Amino acid sequence: DVSRTLRDGVEPQLMLADIRNRERIHAIFARFRPEVVFHAAAHKHVPFLESHPEEAVLTNVIGTAHLADAALAVGAERFVLISTDKAIRPASVMGASKWLAEQILWSLHGRNGCLFSAVRFGNVLGSRGSVIPTFFKQIARGEPVTVTDPDMARFFMSVREAVQLVLQAAALSKGGEVFTLQMGEPVTIIDLARRVIRMSGRVPDKDVEISIVGPRPGEKIVEEIVDLAEEAVSSDHPSISVARPPVLDPGELRRWLREIELLAAEGRSEELTVRIKEMARRPAPSVPATEQGM
């Protein structure tokens, strides 16, 4: 029960650490021995990571492996990864790195009794990097509102919905699932821009120009929230979709991780970008759950 982590009188403890530092992470977990782990630490900026794939691998992939291993070492009961809709048939380094992070968890599912799951988000309104505050700032400065492509569309959720989804995932998980909030139809960014301009008391294309600037590196025109290749699983929550993704052979995954960690450490960015995207686009055959870890 997730509520067990919210006992009266328990003071929050703030710790500063780099998830790439395996020894530091294991020391913190050994000290506090968490029962439930919510893993949100990641590099998330899609265009930046296209230029710095080694940072995506060392933080989003290898850092996830460190946290998962530390959770197993202290007997954590549940581990929830905050993933992204960009992990579905990824076109970007960021999406591919989060896909690999998910695969790390599936390779460890069931080991030492820990239930691993992931939550895939669309765009969270009002979060850091959200497009809406950017639009308001452009309007306030008297600048054109910039939209990457007229057909660019995204799924959106509120901060409240995002938090509830994470907590529900921790409570509902039986291990090995991906949880996604049912968010209806995607919203085109240009329509969103027009709404924000009207909310500011101005008229789109008259008072405020909308400028089409072209997609940034790694961006898809339309994101997905459900991978049709994944096995659908029934959910006890009417607004949450649950899927069980295909799982890579653990031995093959370990070989991949050693390969990309070496490429990242050597700074071979171009080769790393090609390799990580190839991995994520390759169909993952489903294999039985294993007790072998990373």
C-alpha atoms as a PDB file:
ATOM      1  CA  ASP A   1       0.000   0.000   0.000  1.00  0.00           C
ATOM      2  CA  VAL A   2       1.537   3.292  -1.103  1.00  0.00           C
ATOM      3  CA  SER A   3       0.031   5.054   1.941  1.00  0.00           C
ATOM      4  CA  ARG A   4       2.587   3.230   4.091  1.00  0.00           C
ATOM      5  CA  THR A   5       5.171   5.730   2.834  1.00  0.00           C
ATOM      6  CA  LEU A   6       3.077   8.657   4.138  1.00  0.00           C
ATOM      7  CA  ARG A   7       2.999   7.948   7.874  1.00  0.00           C
ATOM      8  CA  ASP A   8       2.240  10.817  10.253  1.00  0.00           C
ATOM      9  CA  GLY A   9       5.318  12.361  11.768  1.00  0.00           C
ATOM     10  CA  VAL A  10       7.749  11.285   9.030  1.00  0.00           C
ATOM     11  CA  GLU A  11       9.888  14.226   7.977  1.00  0.00           C
ATOM     12  CA  PRO A  12      10.988  14.419   4.331  1.00  0.00           C
ATOM     13  CA  GLN A  13      14.716  14.059   3.803  1.00  0.00           C
ATOM     14  CA  LEU A  14      16.384  15.894   0.936  1.00  0.00           C
ATOM     15  CA  MET A  15      19.497  14.328  -0.550  1.00  0.00           C
ATOM     16  CA  LEU A  16      21.578  15.665  -3.434  1.00  0.00           C
ATOM     17  CA  ALA A  17      23.189  13.037  -5.644  1.00  0.00           C
ATOM     18  CA  ASP A  18      23.996  12.183  -9.247  1.00  0.00           C
ATOM     19  CA  ILE A  19      22.247   8.989 -10.356  1.00  0.00           C
ATOM     20  CA  ARG A  20      25.285   8.272 -12.540  1.00  0.00           C
ATOM     21  CA  ASN A  21      27.293   7.747  -9.331  1.00  0.00           C
ATOM     22  CA  ARG A  22      26.527   4.118  -8.489  1.00  0.00           C
ATOM     23  CA  GLU A  23      28.278   4.077  -5.105  1.00  0.00           C
ATOM     24  CA  ARG A  24      26.541   7.258  -3.937  1.00  0.00           C
ATOM     25  CA  ILE A  25      23.109   5.955  -4.944  1.00  0.00           C
ATOM     26  CA  HIS A  26      23.641   2.626  -3.195  1.00  0.00           C
ATOM     27  CA  ALA A  27      24.821   4.429  -0.045  1.00  0.00           C
ATOM     28  CA  ILE A  28      21.675   6.611   0.049  1.00  0.00           C
ATOM     29  CA  PHE A  29      19.376   3.641  -0.506  1.00  0.00           C
ATOM     30  CA  ALA A  30      21.183   1.647   2.173  1.00  0.00           C
ATOM     31  CA  ARG A  31      20.679   4.513   4.628  1.00  0.00           C
ATOM     32  CA  PHE A  32      16.969   5.148   4.010  1.00  0.00           C
ATOM     33  CA  ARG A  33      15.845   1.754   2.660  1.00  0.00           C
ATOM     34  CA  PRO A  34      12.845   3.021   0.638  1.00  0.00           C
ATOM     35  CA  GLU A  35       9.868   0.733   0.128  1.00  0.00           C
ATOM     36  CA  VAL A  36       8.534   2.605  -2.940  1.00  0.00           C
ATOM     37  CA  VAL A  37      10.752   4.359  -5.494  1.00  0.00           C
ATOM     38  CA  PHE A  38       9.484   6.968  -7.981  1.00  0.00           C
ATOM     39  CA  HIS A  39      12.223   7.540 -10.548  1.00  0.00           C
ATOM     40  CA  ALA A  40      11.809  10.884 -12.338  1.00  0.00           C
ATOM     41  CA  ALA A  41      15.443  11.972 -12.758  1.00  0.00           C
ATOM     42  CA  ALA A  42      16.276  12.257 -16.453  1.00  0.00           C
ATOM     43  CA  HIS A  43      17.447  14.510 -19.235  1.00  0.00           C
ATOM     44  CA  LYS A  44      14.284  15.335 -21.202  1.00  0.00           C
ATOM     45  CA  HIS A  45      15.124  18.046 -23.760  1.00  0.00           C
ATOM     46  CA  VAL A  46      14.698  16.341 -27.145  1.00  0.00           C
ATOM     47  CA  PRO A  47      16.789  18.626 -29.427  1.00  0.00           C
ATOM     48  CA  PHE A  48      19.653  19.020 -26.895  1.00  0.00           C
ATOM     49  CA  LEU A  49      19.985  15.262 -26.490  1.00  0.00           C
ATOM     50  CA  GLU A  50      20.238  14.804 -30.252  1.00  0.00           C
ATOM     51  CA  SER A  51      23.512  16.737 -29.948  1.00  0.00           C
ATOM     52  CA  HIS A  52      24.595  15.084 -26.673  1.00  0.00           C
ATOM     53  CA  PRO A  53      23.559  11.407 -26.845  1.00  0.00           C
ATOM     54  CA  GLU A  54      26.238  10.376 -24.348  1.00  0.00           C
ATOM     55  CA  GLU A  55      24.469  12.414 -21.657  1.00  0.00           C
ATOM     56  CA  ALA A  56      21.156  10.707 -22.454  1.00  0.00           C
ATOM     57  CA  VAL A  57      22.760   7.269 -22.174  1.00  0.00           C
ATOM     58  CA  LEU A  58      24.756   7.884 -19.002  1.00  0.00           C
ATOM     59  CA  THR A  59      21.837   9.524 -17.142  1.00  0.00           C
ATOM     60  CA  ASN A  60      18.621   8.115 -18.588  1.00  0.00           C
ATOM     61  CA  VAL A  61      19.875   4.573 -19.183  1.00  0.00           C
ATOM     62  CA  ILE A  62      22.836   3.783 -16.946  1.00  0.00           C
ATOM     63  CA  GLY A  63      21.484   5.978 -14.138  1.00  0.00           C
ATOM     64  CA  THR A  64      18.219   4.023 -14.237  1.00  0.00           C
ATOM     65  CA  ALA A  65      20.163   0.770 -13.936  1.00  0.00           C
ATOM     66  CA  HIS A  66      21.956   2.121 -10.842  1.00  0.00           C
ATOM     67  CA  LEU A  67      18.663   3.082  -9.176  1.00  0.00           C
ATOM     68  CA  ALA A  68      16.989  -0.215 -10.014  1.00  0.00           C
ATOM     69  CA  ASP A  69      19.941  -2.200  -8.665  1.00  0.00           C
ATOM     70  CA  ALA A  70      19.952  -0.119  -5.475  1.00  0.00           C
ATOM     71  CA  ALA A  71      16.207  -0.676  -5.022  1.00  0.00           C
ATOM     72  CA  LEU A  72      16.701  -4.431  -5.326  1.00  0.00           C
ATOM     73  CA  ALA A  73      19.627  -4.372  -2.910  1.00  0.00           C
ATOM     74  CA  VAL A  74      17.503  -2.878  -0.103  1.00  0.00           C
ATOM     75  CA  GLY A  75      14.370  -4.929  -0.799  1.00  0.00           C
ATOM     76  CA  ALA A  76      12.163  -2.152  -2.195  1.00  0.00           C
ATOM     77  CA  GLU A  77       8.618  -3.338  -2.882  1.00  0.00           C
ATOM     78  CA  ARG A  78       7.736  -1.126  -5.854  1.00  0.00           C
ATOM     79  CA  PHE A  79       9.637   0.916  -8.422  1.00  0.00           C
ATOM     80  CA  VAL A  80       7.834   3.325 -10.781  1.00  0.00           C
ATOM     81  CA  LEU A  81       9.712   4.848 -13.719  1.00  0.00           C
ATOM     82  CA  ILE A  82       8.485   8.168 -15.084  1.00  0.00           C
ATOM     83  CA  SER A  83       8.787   7.502 -18.804  1.00  0.00           C
ATOM     84  CA  THR A  84       7.456   9.315 -21.871  1.00  0.00           C
ATOM     85  CA  ASP A  85       5.227   8.829 -24.893  1.00  0.00           C
ATOM     86  CA  LYS A  86       8.398   9.437 -26.909  1.00  0.00           C
ATOM     87  CA  ALA A  87       9.521   5.916 -25.931  1.00  0.00           C
ATOM     88  CA  ILE A  88       6.880   4.519 -28.313  1.00  0.00           C
ATOM     89  CA  ARG A  89       8.602   3.759 -31.629  1.00  0.00           C
ATOM     90  CA  PRO A  90      11.186   6.430 -30.736  1.00  0.00           C
ATOM     91  CA  ALA A  91      12.520   8.832 -33.344  1.00  0.00           C
ATOM     92  CA  SER A  92      14.786  10.721 -30.925  1.00  0.00           C
ATOM     93  CA  VAL A  93      17.755   9.955 -28.697  1.00  0.00           C
ATOM     94  CA  MET A  94      15.662  10.961 -25.687  1.00  0.00           C
ATOM     95  CA  GLY A  95      12.858   8.565 -26.623  1.00  0.00           C
ATOM     96  CA  ALA A  96      15.296   5.739 -27.342  1.00  0.00           C
ATOM     97  CA  SER A  97      17.049   6.273 -24.004  1.00  0.00           C
ATOM     98  CA  LYS A  98      13.758   6.065 -22.120  1.00  0.00           C
ATOM     99  CA  TRP A  99      12.788   2.944 -24.085  1.00  0.00           C
ATOM    100  CA  LEU A 100      16.030   1.329 -22.924  1.00  0.00           C
ATOM    101  CA  ALA A 101      15.336   2.482 -19.353  1.00  0.00           C
ATOM    102  CA  GLU A 102      11.993   0.668 -19.541  1.00  0.00           C
ATOM    103  CA  GLN A 103      13.700  -2.456 -20.841  1.00  0.00           C
ATOM    104  CA  ILE A 104      16.083  -2.416 -17.876  1.00  0.00           C
ATOM    105  CA  LEU A 105      13.109  -2.592 -15.530  1.00  0.00           C
ATOM    106  CA  TRP A 106      11.433  -5.411 -17.437  1.00  0.00           C
ATOM    107  CA  SER A 107      14.650  -7.435 -17.277  1.00  0.00           C
ATOM    108  CA  LEU A 108      14.556  -7.153 -13.471  1.00  0.00           C
ATOM    109  CA  HIS A 109      10.822  -7.731 -12.972  1.00  0.00           C
ATOM    110  CA  GLY A 110      10.104 -10.189 -10.195  1.00  0.00           C
ATOM    111  CA  ARG A 111      13.621 -10.245  -8.841  1.00  0.00           C
ATOM    112  CA  ASN A 112      13.779 -10.028  -5.057  1.00  0.00           C
ATOM    113  CA  GLY A 113       9.998  -9.463  -4.971  1.00  0.00           C
ATOM    114  CA  CYS A 114      10.147  -5.922  -6.398  1.00  0.00           C
ATOM    115  CA  LEU A 115       7.327  -4.818  -8.734  1.00  0.00           C
ATOM    116  CA  PHE A 116       8.652  -2.658 -11.563  1.00  0.00           C
ATOM    117  CA  SER A 117       6.328  -0.502 -13.666  1.00  0.00           C
ATOM    118  CA  ALA A 118       6.483   2.598 -15.858  1.00  0.00           C
ATOM    119  CA  VAL A 119       4.227   5.586 -16.443  1.00  0.00           C
ATOM    120  CA  ARG A 120       4.272   7.231 -19.862  1.00  0.00           C
ATOM    121  CA  PHE A 121       3.388  10.915 -19.966  1.00  0.00           C
ATOM    122  CA  GLY A 122       2.306  13.186 -22.728  1.00  0.00           C
ATOM    123  CA  ASN A 123       2.943  16.895 -22.220  1.00  0.00           C
ATOM    124  CA  VAL A 124       2.198  18.230 -18.734  1.00  0.00           C
ATOM    125  CA  LEU A 125       0.592  21.674 -18.809  1.00  0.00           C
ATOM    126  CA  GLY A 126       2.483  24.201 -16.726  1.00  0.00           C
ATOM    127  CA  SER A 127       5.557  22.028 -16.241  1.00  0.00           C
ATOM    128  CA  ARG A 128       9.059  23.302 -16.892  1.00  0.00           C
ATOM    129  CA  GLY A 129       9.528  23.590 -20.646  1.00  0.00           C
ATOM    130  CA  SER A 130       5.776  23.597 -21.330  1.00  0.00           C
ATOM    131  CA  VAL A 131       4.856  25.411 -24.533  1.00  0.00           C
ATOM    132  CA  ILE A 132       2.054  27.498 -22.993  1.00  0.00           C
ATOM    133  CA  PRO A 133       4.274  29.705 -20.753  1.00  0.00           C
ATOM    134  CA  THR A 134       6.527  30.181 -23.793  1.00  0.00           C
ATOM    135  CA  PHE A 135       3.571  31.405 -25.845  1.00  0.00           C
ATOM    136  CA  PHE A 136       2.509  33.855 -23.114  1.00  0.00           C
ATOM    137  CA  LYS A 137       6.065  35.251 -22.883  1.00  0.00           C
ATOM    138  CA  GLN A 138       6.257  35.736 -26.652  1.00  0.00           C
ATOM    139  CA  ILE A 139       2.915  37.543 -26.661  1.00  0.00           C
ATOM    140  CA  ALA A 140       3.925  39.771 -23.720  1.00  0.00           C
ATOM    141  CA  ARG A 141       7.133  40.758 -25.549  1.00  0.00           C
ATOM    142  CA  GLY A 142       5.184  41.575 -28.704  1.00  0.00           C
ATOM    143  CA  GLU A 143       6.894  38.789 -30.642  1.00  0.00           C
ATOM    144  CA  PRO A 144       5.344  36.293 -33.075  1.00  0.00           C
ATOM    145  CA  VAL A 145       4.204  33.041 -31.490  1.00  0.00           C
ATOM    146  CA  THR A 146       6.436  30.301 -32.897  1.00  0.00           C
ATOM    147  CA  VAL A 147       4.987  26.944 -33.950  1.00  0.00           C
ATOM    148  CA  THR A 148       7.178  24.222 -35.413  1.00  0.00           C
ATOM    149  CA  ASP A 149       4.719  22.743 -37.921  1.00  0.00           C
ATOM    150  CA  PRO A 150       1.007  23.310 -38.745  1.00  0.00           C
ATOM    151  CA  ASP A 151       0.333  19.582 -38.243  1.00  0.00           C
ATOM    152  CA  MET A 152       2.366  19.212 -35.033  1.00  0.00           C
ATOM    153  CA  ALA A 153       0.069  17.639 -32.403  1.00  0.00           C
ATOM    154  CA  ARG A 154       0.526  16.556 -28.802  1.00  0.00           C
ATOM    155  CA  PHE A 155      -1.407  14.968 -25.946  1.00  0.00           C
ATOM    156  CA  PHE A 156      -1.723  17.117 -22.828  1.00  0.00           C
ATOM    157  CA  MET A 157      -2.479  16.496 -19.168  1.00  0.00           C
ATOM    158  CA  SER A 158      -2.561  18.674 -16.076  1.00  0.00           C
ATOM    159  CA  VAL A 159      -0.051  18.471 -13.224  1.00  0.00           C
ATOM    160  CA  ARG A 160      -2.807  17.049 -10.995  1.00  0.00           C
ATOM    161  CA  GLU A 161      -3.591  14.331 -13.541  1.00  0.00           C
ATOM    162  CA  ALA A 162       0.095  13.489 -13.869  1.00  0.00           C
ATOM    163  CA  VAL A 163       0.588  13.111 -10.117  1.00  0.00           C
ATOM    164  CA  GLN A 164      -2.557  11.017  -9.731  1.00  0.00           C
ATOM    165  CA  LEU A 165      -1.441   8.741 -12.565  1.00  0.00           C
ATOM    166  CA  VAL A 166       1.911   8.109 -10.891  1.00  0.00           C
ATOM    167  CA  LEU A 167       0.299   7.290  -7.528  1.00  0.00           C
ATOM    168  CA  GLN A 168      -2.344   5.079  -9.148  1.00  0.00           C
ATOM    169  CA  ALA A 169       0.358   3.218 -11.052  1.00  0.00           C
ATOM    170  CA  ALA A 170       2.226   2.477  -7.832  1.00  0.00           C
ATOM    171  CA  ALA A 171      -0.966   1.227  -6.187  1.00  0.00           C
ATOM    172  CA  LEU A 172      -2.309  -0.809  -9.130  1.00  0.00           C
ATOM    173  CA  SER A 173       0.915  -2.360 -10.389  1.00  0.00           C
ATOM    174  CA  LYS A 174       1.354  -6.098 -10.378  1.00  0.00           C
ATOM    175  CA  GLY A 175       4.714  -5.652 -12.095  1.00  0.00           C
ATOM    176  CA  GLY A 176       5.876  -5.319 -15.669  1.00  0.00           C
ATOM    177  CA  GLU A 177       3.236  -2.846 -16.884  1.00  0.00           C
ATOM    178  CA  VAL A 178       3.182   0.513 -18.616  1.00  0.00           C
ATOM    179  CA  PHE A 179       0.485   2.923 -17.397  1.00  0.00           C
ATOM    180  CA  THR A 180      -0.898   5.712 -19.586  1.00  0.00           C
ATOM    181  CA  LEU A 181      -3.634   8.255 -18.899  1.00  0.00           C
ATOM    182  CA  GLN A 182      -6.424   8.200 -21.473  1.00  0.00           C
ATOM    183  CA  MET A 183      -6.197  11.749 -22.819  1.00  0.00           C
ATOM    184  CA  GLY A 184      -8.650  11.796 -25.714  1.00  0.00           C
ATOM    185  CA  GLU A 185      -7.589  13.283 -29.029  1.00  0.00           C
ATOM    186  CA  PRO A 186      -4.260  15.074 -29.582  1.00  0.00           C
ATOM    187  CA  VAL A 187      -4.280  18.858 -29.809  1.00  0.00           C
ATOM    188  CA  THR A 188      -2.473  20.596 -32.667  1.00  0.00           C
ATOM    189  CA  ILE A 189       0.083  23.098 -31.407  1.00  0.00           C
ATOM    190  CA  ILE A 190      -1.137  25.774 -33.822  1.00  0.00           C
ATOM    191  CA  ASP A 191      -4.680  25.497 -32.397  1.00  0.00           C
ATOM    192  CA  LEU A 192      -3.232  25.714 -28.905  1.00  0.00           C
ATOM    193  CA  ALA A 193      -1.293  28.834 -29.929  1.00  0.00           C
ATOM    194  CA  ARG A 194      -4.490  30.455 -31.230  1.00  0.00           C
ATOM    195  CA  ARG A 195      -6.272  29.681 -27.940  1.00  0.00           C
ATOM    196  CA  VAL A 196      -3.472  31.242 -25.909  1.00  0.00           C
ATOM    197  CA  ILE A 197      -3.508  34.362 -28.108  1.00  0.00           C
ATOM    198  CA  ARG A 198      -7.284  34.719 -27.575  1.00  0.00           C
ATOM    199  CA  MET A 199      -6.838  34.164 -23.822  1.00  0.00           C
ATOM    200  CA  SER A 200      -4.473  37.158 -23.913  1.00  0.00           C
ATOM    201  CA  GLY A 201      -7.247  39.324 -25.386  1.00  0.00           C
ATOM    202  CA  ARG A 202      -5.734  39.420 -28.864  1.00  0.00           C
ATOM    203  CA  VAL A 203      -6.710  38.156 -32.296  1.00  0.00           C
ATOM    204  CA  PRO A 204      -4.563  35.453 -33.938  1.00  0.00           C
ATOM    205  CA  ASP A 205      -2.924  36.406 -37.246  1.00  0.00           C
ATOM    206  CA  LYS A 206      -4.065  40.008 -36.749  1.00  0.00           C
ATOM    207  CA  ASP A 207      -2.784  41.265 -33.412  1.00  0.00           C
ATOM    208  CA  VAL A 208      -0.266  38.433 -33.008  1.00  0.00           C
ATOM    209  CA  GLU A 209       1.509  36.680 -35.856  1.00  0.00           C
ATOM    210  CA  ILE A 210       1.997  32.906 -35.790  1.00  0.00           C
ATOM    211  CA  SER A 211       5.366  31.983 -37.269  1.00  0.00           C
ATOM    212  CA  ILE A 212       6.065  28.446 -38.565  1.00  0.00           C
ATOM    213  CA  VAL A 213       9.708  27.661 -37.778  1.00  0.00           C
ATOM    214  CA  GLY A 214       9.998  23.948 -38.650  1.00  0.00           C
ATOM    215  CA  PRO A 215      10.423  20.848 -36.431  1.00  0.00           C
ATOM    216  CA  ARG A 216      13.449  20.729 -34.168  1.00  0.00           C
ATOM    217  CA  PRO A 217      15.918  17.810 -34.245  1.00  0.00           C
ATOM    218  CA  GLY A 218      14.363  14.561 -33.000  1.00  0.00           C
ATOM    219  CA  GLU A 219      10.765  15.797 -32.951  1.00  0.00           C
ATOM    220  CA  LYS A 220       7.855  13.762 -34.298  1.00  0.00           C
ATOM    221  CA  ILE A 221       4.925  15.520 -35.946  1.00  0.00           C
ATOM    222  CA  VAL A 222       2.411  13.473 -33.904  1.00  0.00           C
ATOM    223  CA  GLU A 223       3.188  11.552 -30.714  1.00  0.00           C
ATOM    224  CA  GLU A 224       1.453   8.341 -29.651  1.00  0.00           C
ATOM    225  CA  ILE A 225       0.306   7.357 -26.173  1.00  0.00           C
ATOM    226  CA  VAL A 226      -0.366   3.664 -26.802  1.00  0.00           C
ATOM    227  CA  ASP A 227       1.857   1.253 -28.706  1.00  0.00           C
ATOM    228  CA  LEU A 228      -0.430  -1.104 -30.615  1.00  0.00           C
ATOM    229  CA  ALA A 229       2.356  -3.699 -30.600  1.00  0.00           C
ATOM    230  CA  GLU A 230       2.073  -4.003 -26.816  1.00  0.00           C
ATOM    231  CA  GLU A 231      -0.280  -6.397 -25.074  1.00  0.00           C
ATOM    232  CA  ALA A 232      -3.302  -4.590 -23.604  1.00  0.00           C
ATOM    233  CA  VAL A 233      -4.040  -5.419 -19.946  1.00  0.00           C
ATOM    234  CA  SER A 234      -7.264  -4.700 -18.065  1.00  0.00           C
ATOM    235  CA  SER A 235      -7.169  -1.811 -15.615  1.00  0.00           C
ATOM    236  CA  ASP A 236      -9.057  -1.221 -12.376  1.00  0.00           C
ATOM    237  CA  HIS A 237      -9.129   2.512 -13.160  1.00  0.00           C
ATOM    238  CA  PRO A 238     -11.487   3.829 -15.883  1.00  0.00           C
ATOM    239  CA  SER A 239      -9.103   6.556 -17.079  1.00  0.00           C
ATOM    240  CA  ILE A 240      -5.880   4.552 -17.136  1.00  0.00           C
ATOM    241  CA  SER A 241      -4.697   2.338 -19.982  1.00  0.00           C
ATOM    242  CA  VAL A 242      -2.358  -0.503 -19.102  1.00  0.00           C
ATOM    243  CA  ALA A 243      -0.071  -2.438 -21.427  1.00  0.00           C
ATOM    244  CA  ARG A 244       2.542  -5.132 -21.039  1.00  0.00           C
ATOM    245  CA  PRO A 245       5.417  -4.413 -23.436  1.00  0.00           C
ATOM    246  CA  PRO A 246       7.597  -6.969 -25.223  1.00  0.00           C
ATOM    247  CA  VAL A 247      10.738  -7.802 -23.280  1.00  0.00           C
ATOM    248  CA  LEU A 248      14.253  -8.141 -24.622  1.00  0.00           C
ATOM    249  CA  ASP A 249      16.366 -11.150 -23.809  1.00  0.00           C
ATOM    250  CA  PRO A 250      18.315 -10.080 -20.670  1.00  0.00           C
ATOM    251  CA  GLY A 251      21.631 -11.311 -22.071  1.00  0.00           C
ATOM    252  CA  GLU A 252      21.171  -9.285 -25.247  1.00  0.00           C
ATOM    253  CA  LEU A 253      20.175  -6.226 -23.227  1.00  0.00           C
ATOM    254  CA  ARG A 254      23.305  -6.490 -21.088  1.00  0.00           C
ATOM    255  CA  ARG A 255      25.457  -6.634 -24.235  1.00  0.00           C
ATOM    256  CA  TRP A 256      23.705  -3.548 -25.611  1.00  0.00           C
ATOM    257  CA  LEU A 257      24.198  -1.628 -22.382  1.00  0.00           C
ATOM    258  CA  ARG A 258      27.914  -2.434 -22.244  1.00  0.00           C
ATOM    259  CA  GLU A 259      28.260  -1.335 -25.870  1.00  0.00           C
ATOM    260  CA  ILE A 260      26.514   2.015 -25.544  1.00  0.00           C
ATOM    261  CA  GLU A 261      28.121   2.805 -22.176  1.00  0.00           C
ATOM    262  CA  LEU A 262      31.531   2.343 -23.812  1.00  0.00           C
ATOM    263  CA  LEU A 263      30.544   4.524 -26.788  1.00  0.00           C
ATOM    264  CA  ALA A 264      29.292   7.210 -24.388  1.00  0.00           C
ATOM    265  CA  ALA A 265      32.419   7.096 -22.234  1.00  0.00           C
ATOM    266  CA  GLU A 266      34.591   7.480 -25.341  1.00  0.00           C
ATOM    267  CA  GLY A 267      32.518  10.406 -26.630  1.00  0.00           C
ATOM    268  CA  ARG A 268      31.652   8.705 -29.948  1.00  0.00           C
ATOM    269  CA  SER A 269      28.464  10.716 -30.314  1.00  0.00           C
ATOM    270  CA  GLU A 270      27.555  10.067 -33.936  1.00  0.00           C
ATOM    271  CA  GLU A 271      28.060   6.322 -33.640  1.00  0.00           C
ATOM    272  CA  LEU A 272      26.147   6.297 -30.355  1.00  0.00           C
ATOM    273  CA  THR A 273      23.177   8.149 -31.853  1.00  0.00           C
ATOM    274  CA  VAL A 274      22.885   5.659 -34.700  1.00  0.00           C
ATOM    275  CA  ARG A 275      23.257   2.652 -32.397  1.00  0.00           C
ATOM    276  CA  ILE A 276      20.766   3.670 -29.718  1.00  0.00           C
ATOM    277  CA  LYS A 277      18.089   4.460 -32.301  1.00  0.00           C
ATOM    278  CA  GLU A 278      18.716   1.152 -34.072  1.00  0.00           C
ATOM    279  CA  MET A 279      18.245  -0.681 -30.793  1.00  0.00           C
ATOM    280  CA  ALA A 280      14.971   1.022 -29.956  1.00  0.00           C
ATOM    281  CA  ARG A 281      13.489   0.530 -33.429  1.00  0.00           C
ATOM    282  CA  ARG A 282      14.268  -3.172 -33.486  1.00  0.00           C
ATOM    283  CA  PRO A 283      11.235  -5.301 -32.546  1.00  0.00           C
ATOM    284  CA  ALA A 284      11.672  -6.693 -29.054  1.00  0.00           C
ATOM    285  CA  PRO A 285      10.669 -10.378 -28.866  1.00  0.00           C
ATOM    286  CA  SER A 286       8.773 -11.190 -25.716  1.00  0.00           C
ATOM    287  CA  VAL A 287      10.627 -13.596 -23.409  1.00  0.00           C
ATOM    288  CA  PRO A 288       9.578 -15.161 -20.115  1.00  0.00           C
ATOM    289  CA  ALA A 289      10.302 -13.263 -16.923  1.00  0.00           C
ATOM    290  CA  THR A 290      13.759 -13.997 -15.610  1.00  0.00           C
ATOM    291  CA  GLU A 291      15.374 -13.891 -12.225  1.00  0.00           C
ATOM    292  CA  GLN A 292      18.609 -12.675 -13.780  1.00  0.00           C
ATOM    293  CA  GLY A 293      19.465  -9.040 -13.140  1.00  0.00           C
ATOM    294  CA  MET A 294      21.600  -6.554 -14.935  1.00  0.00           C
END
